[in-house]
N, C-alpha and C. Protein backbone atom coordinates (compact mmCIF):
# COMPACT_ATOMS: atom_id res chain seq x y z
N MET A 1 1.00 -0.88 0.08
CA MET A 1 0.09 -0.48 0.43
C MET A 1 1.16 1.34 0.05
N LYS A 2 1.82 1.12 0.73
CA LYS A 2 2.54 2.68 0.70
C LYS A 2 3.14 2.44 -1.03
N ASN A 3 3.80 1.83 -1.05
CA ASN A 3 4.94 2.10 -2.56
C ASN A 3 3.34 2.14 -3.25
N LEU A 4 2.25 2.03 -3.73
CA LEU A 4 1.12 2.20 -4.37
C LEU A 4 1.03 3.95 -4.23
N ILE A 5 0.90 4.36 -2.88
CA ILE A 5 0.78 5.98 -2.30
C ILE A 5 2.53 6.41 -3.19
N LEU A 6 2.66 5.92 -3.02
CA LEU A 6 3.95 6.65 -3.13
C LEU A 6 4.03 7.20 -4.81
N PHE A 7 3.79 6.02 -5.18
CA PHE A 7 3.44 5.76 -7.41
C PHE A 7 3.21 6.32 -7.57
N VAL A 8 2.08 6.51 -7.17
CA VAL A 8 0.12 7.82 -7.52
C VAL A 8 1.10 9.13 -6.86
N LEU A 9 2.03 8.87 -5.87
CA LEU A 9 2.26 11.03 -5.48
C LEU A 9 3.59 11.31 -7.16
N ILE A 10 4.45 10.01 -6.79
CA ILE A 10 5.59 10.27 -7.79
C ILE A 10 5.52 11.23 -9.16
N ILE A 11 4.01 10.09 -9.84
CA ILE A 11 3.72 10.47 -11.18
C ILE A 11 2.74 12.00 -11.33
N ASN A 12 1.98 12.32 -10.16
CA ASN A 12 1.64 13.40 -10.03
C ASN A 12 2.30 14.90 -10.03
N THR A 13 3.26 14.24 -9.53
CA THR A 13 4.79 15.57 -9.14
C THR A 13 5.19 15.59 -10.54
N SER A 14 5.07 14.77 -11.44
CA SER A 14 6.17 14.67 -12.30
C SER A 14 5.23 15.54 -13.89
N SER A 15 4.08 15.03 -13.58
CA SER A 15 3.19 15.50 -14.95
C SER A 15 2.91 16.99 -14.50
N ILE A 16 2.90 17.41 -13.27
CA ILE A 16 2.76 18.91 -13.14
C ILE A 16 4.22 20.18 -13.25
N LEU A 17 5.02 19.06 -13.08
CA LEU A 17 6.81 19.80 -13.44
C LEU A 17 7.08 20.26 -14.36
N SER A 18 5.97 19.33 -15.42
CA SER A 18 6.58 19.01 -16.79
C SER A 18 5.10 19.77 -17.89
N SER A 19 4.23 20.23 -17.25
CA SER A 19 3.11 20.25 -17.82
C SER A 19 2.85 21.85 -18.62
N GLN A 20 3.64 22.68 -18.45
CA GLN A 20 4.66 23.74 -19.14
C GLN A 20 6.75 24.41 -19.63
N GLU A 21 6.27 24.84 -21.06
CA GLU A 21 7.68 25.58 -21.28
C GLU A 21 7.61 26.62 -21.85
N VAL A 22 9.01 27.35 -21.27
CA VAL A 22 9.27 28.54 -21.80
C VAL A 22 9.19 28.77 -23.09
N LEU A 23 8.33 29.27 -24.24
CA LEU A 23 8.94 29.09 -25.43
C LEU A 23 9.47 30.24 -26.10
N HIS A 24 9.19 32.38 -25.11
CA HIS A 24 9.97 33.16 -25.75
C HIS A 24 9.22 33.56 -24.10
N GLU A 25 11.05 34.37 -24.36
CA GLU A 25 10.81 35.70 -23.13
C GLU A 25 11.67 36.82 -23.44
N ARG A 26 10.39 37.91 -23.17
CA ARG A 26 11.24 39.27 -23.68
C ARG A 26 11.22 40.03 -22.24
N LYS A 27 11.33 41.15 -22.23
CA LYS A 27 11.28 42.44 -20.45
C LYS A 27 10.30 42.65 -21.48
N VAL A 28 9.59 44.02 -20.96
CA VAL A 28 8.72 44.45 -22.22
C VAL A 28 8.24 45.20 -20.75
N LYS A 29 8.96 46.76 -21.02
CA LYS A 29 8.93 48.44 -19.91
C LYS A 29 6.98 48.89 -20.43
N LEU A 30 6.33 48.55 -19.18
CA LEU A 30 5.08 49.47 -19.68
C LEU A 30 5.00 50.69 -18.47
N LYS A 31 4.69 51.41 -18.62
CA LYS A 31 4.13 52.81 -17.68
C LYS A 31 3.44 52.51 -16.72
N SER A 32 3.86 51.30 -15.53
CA SER A 32 2.81 51.51 -14.70
C SER A 32 3.56 51.95 -13.39
N PHE A 33 2.55 52.98 -12.22
CA PHE A 33 3.26 53.30 -10.77
C PHE A 33 3.56 52.19 -10.20
N PHE A 34 4.35 51.74 -8.80
CA PHE A 34 4.62 51.11 -7.62
C PHE A 34 3.46 51.80 -6.87
N LEU A 35 2.47 49.96 -6.52
CA LEU A 35 1.78 50.23 -5.94
C LEU A 35 -0.10 50.96 -6.28
N SER A 36 0.27 51.14 -8.03
CA SER A 36 -0.91 51.63 -8.54
C SER A 36 -2.51 50.45 -8.73
N THR A 37 -3.11 51.46 -8.28
CA THR A 37 -4.62 50.04 -8.08
C THR A 37 -4.68 50.01 -10.41
N ASP A 38 -4.26 50.43 -11.11
CA ASP A 38 -4.26 50.45 -12.85
C ASP A 38 -3.50 48.85 -12.77
N LYS A 39 -4.09 48.33 -13.34
CA LYS A 39 -3.28 47.17 -14.09
C LYS A 39 -2.88 46.68 -15.19
N ASN A 40 -1.66 46.10 -15.16
CA ASN A 40 -1.35 45.25 -16.92
C ASN A 40 -2.15 44.66 -17.62
N GLU A 41 -2.84 44.67 -18.71
CA GLU A 41 -3.31 43.18 -19.18
C GLU A 41 -3.13 42.85 -20.47
N SER A 42 -3.42 41.76 -20.45
CA SER A 42 -2.77 40.87 -22.21
C SER A 42 -3.93 40.42 -22.77
N PHE A 43 -3.88 40.54 -24.57
CA PHE A 43 -4.99 40.11 -25.28
C PHE A 43 -4.42 39.10 -26.03
N PRO A 44 -4.24 37.54 -26.49
CA PRO A 44 -3.56 37.08 -27.18
C PRO A 44 -4.15 37.36 -28.73
N VAL A 45 -3.59 36.61 -29.80
CA VAL A 45 -4.55 36.89 -30.95
C VAL A 45 -4.31 35.92 -31.70
N VAL A 46 -5.46 34.77 -32.15
CA VAL A 46 -4.24 33.42 -32.87
C VAL A 46 -4.97 34.04 -34.36
N ASN A 47 -3.89 33.85 -35.65
CA ASN A 47 -5.15 34.06 -36.78
C ASN A 47 -4.49 32.26 -37.49
N THR A 48 -5.79 32.10 -37.62
CA THR A 48 -5.38 30.08 -37.58
C THR A 48 -5.47 30.17 -39.35
N GLU A 49 -5.31 31.35 -40.34
CA GLU A 49 -5.14 30.79 -41.48
C GLU A 49 -3.48 30.43 -41.75
N ASN A 50 -2.84 31.60 -40.87
CA ASN A 50 -1.13 31.17 -41.60
C ASN A 50 -0.88 30.96 -39.66
N GLY A 51 -1.30 30.97 -38.73
CA GLY A 51 -0.67 30.63 -36.76
C GLY A 51 0.23 31.88 -36.94
N GLU A 52 -0.16 32.43 -37.41
CA GLU A 52 0.68 34.09 -36.67
C GLU A 52 0.16 34.16 -35.04
N ILE A 53 0.86 34.99 -34.00
CA ILE A 53 -0.16 34.97 -33.04
C ILE A 53 0.74 36.85 -32.25
N GLY A 54 -0.38 37.11 -32.11
CA GLY A 54 -0.77 38.16 -31.35
C GLY A 54 -0.99 38.90 -30.03
N LEU A 55 0.24 39.58 -29.42
CA LEU A 55 -0.01 39.54 -27.84
C LEU A 55 0.67 41.21 -27.91
N PHE A 56 -0.98 41.57 -27.28
CA PHE A 56 -1.04 43.29 -27.33
C PHE A 56 -1.04 43.35 -25.36
N LEU A 57 0.00 44.62 -25.15
CA LEU A 57 0.02 44.64 -23.88
C LEU A 57 -0.56 45.87 -23.73
N LEU A 58 -1.23 46.15 -22.43
CA LEU A 58 -1.89 46.84 -21.94
C LEU A 58 -1.64 47.73 -21.17
N ASP A 59 -1.62 48.98 -20.94
CA ASP A 59 -1.41 49.81 -19.89
C ASP A 59 -2.05 51.04 -18.76
N LYS A 60 -1.65 51.69 -18.32
CA LYS A 60 -3.18 53.13 -18.16
C LYS A 60 -2.69 53.85 -19.93
N LYS A 61 -0.93 54.44 -20.55
CA LYS A 61 -0.62 54.78 -21.16
C LYS A 61 -1.19 54.19 -22.68
N GLU A 62 -0.01 52.83 -22.38
CA GLU A 62 -0.08 52.79 -23.92
C GLU A 62 -0.32 51.38 -24.49
N ILE A 63 -0.24 51.00 -25.70
CA ILE A 63 -0.38 49.44 -26.11
C ILE A 63 0.79 48.91 -26.91
N LYS A 64 1.09 48.33 -26.68
CA LYS A 64 2.66 47.07 -26.98
C LYS A 64 1.98 45.92 -27.45
N SER A 65 2.54 45.69 -29.27
CA SER A 65 2.57 43.95 -29.47
C SER A 65 3.34 43.34 -29.88
N LEU A 66 3.76 42.48 -29.55
CA LEU A 66 4.36 41.39 -30.29
C LEU A 66 3.52 40.29 -30.82
N ILE A 67 3.88 40.26 -31.89
CA ILE A 67 3.91 39.19 -33.05
C ILE A 67 5.02 38.25 -33.54
N PHE A 68 4.57 37.18 -33.67
CA PHE A 68 5.15 36.18 -33.33
C PHE A 68 4.82 34.66 -35.01
N ASP A 69 5.27 34.13 -35.85
CA ASP A 69 5.18 33.58 -36.61
C ASP A 69 4.71 31.83 -35.71
N LYS A 70 4.04 30.47 -36.63
CA LYS A 70 4.07 29.68 -36.60
C LYS A 70 5.09 28.85 -35.27
N ASN A 71 6.39 29.31 -35.36
CA ASN A 71 7.35 28.43 -34.69
C ASN A 71 7.58 29.52 -33.39
N TYR A 72 6.64 30.10 -33.18
CA TYR A 72 7.22 31.30 -32.05
C TYR A 72 8.47 32.08 -31.98
N VAL A 73 8.90 32.71 -33.57
CA VAL A 73 9.59 33.50 -33.75
C VAL A 73 9.08 34.76 -33.77
N LEU A 74 9.98 35.53 -33.06
CA LEU A 74 9.46 37.03 -32.78
C LEU A 74 9.13 37.91 -34.35
N LYS A 75 8.46 38.39 -34.73
CA LYS A 75 8.32 38.75 -36.17
C LYS A 75 8.45 40.83 -36.00
N ASP A 76 7.60 41.02 -35.11
CA ASP A 76 7.21 42.48 -35.37
C ASP A 76 7.08 42.84 -33.53
């Protein structure tokens, strides 16, 4: 019984740890203030025809966009 519980625990832990991977990492500076009540938002948009992904980052004063191709390479 102890071996079964240990086996289930190991399987659950390994599935949680390998559930996501980082595809692209980039620092984006938005104009938000420390301890501000304004929240930054992001909206992903997927073009199903060519596989491009657009990521729009919004804060109080500006909108930034990142466009990726179907292989998650930054285009614009």
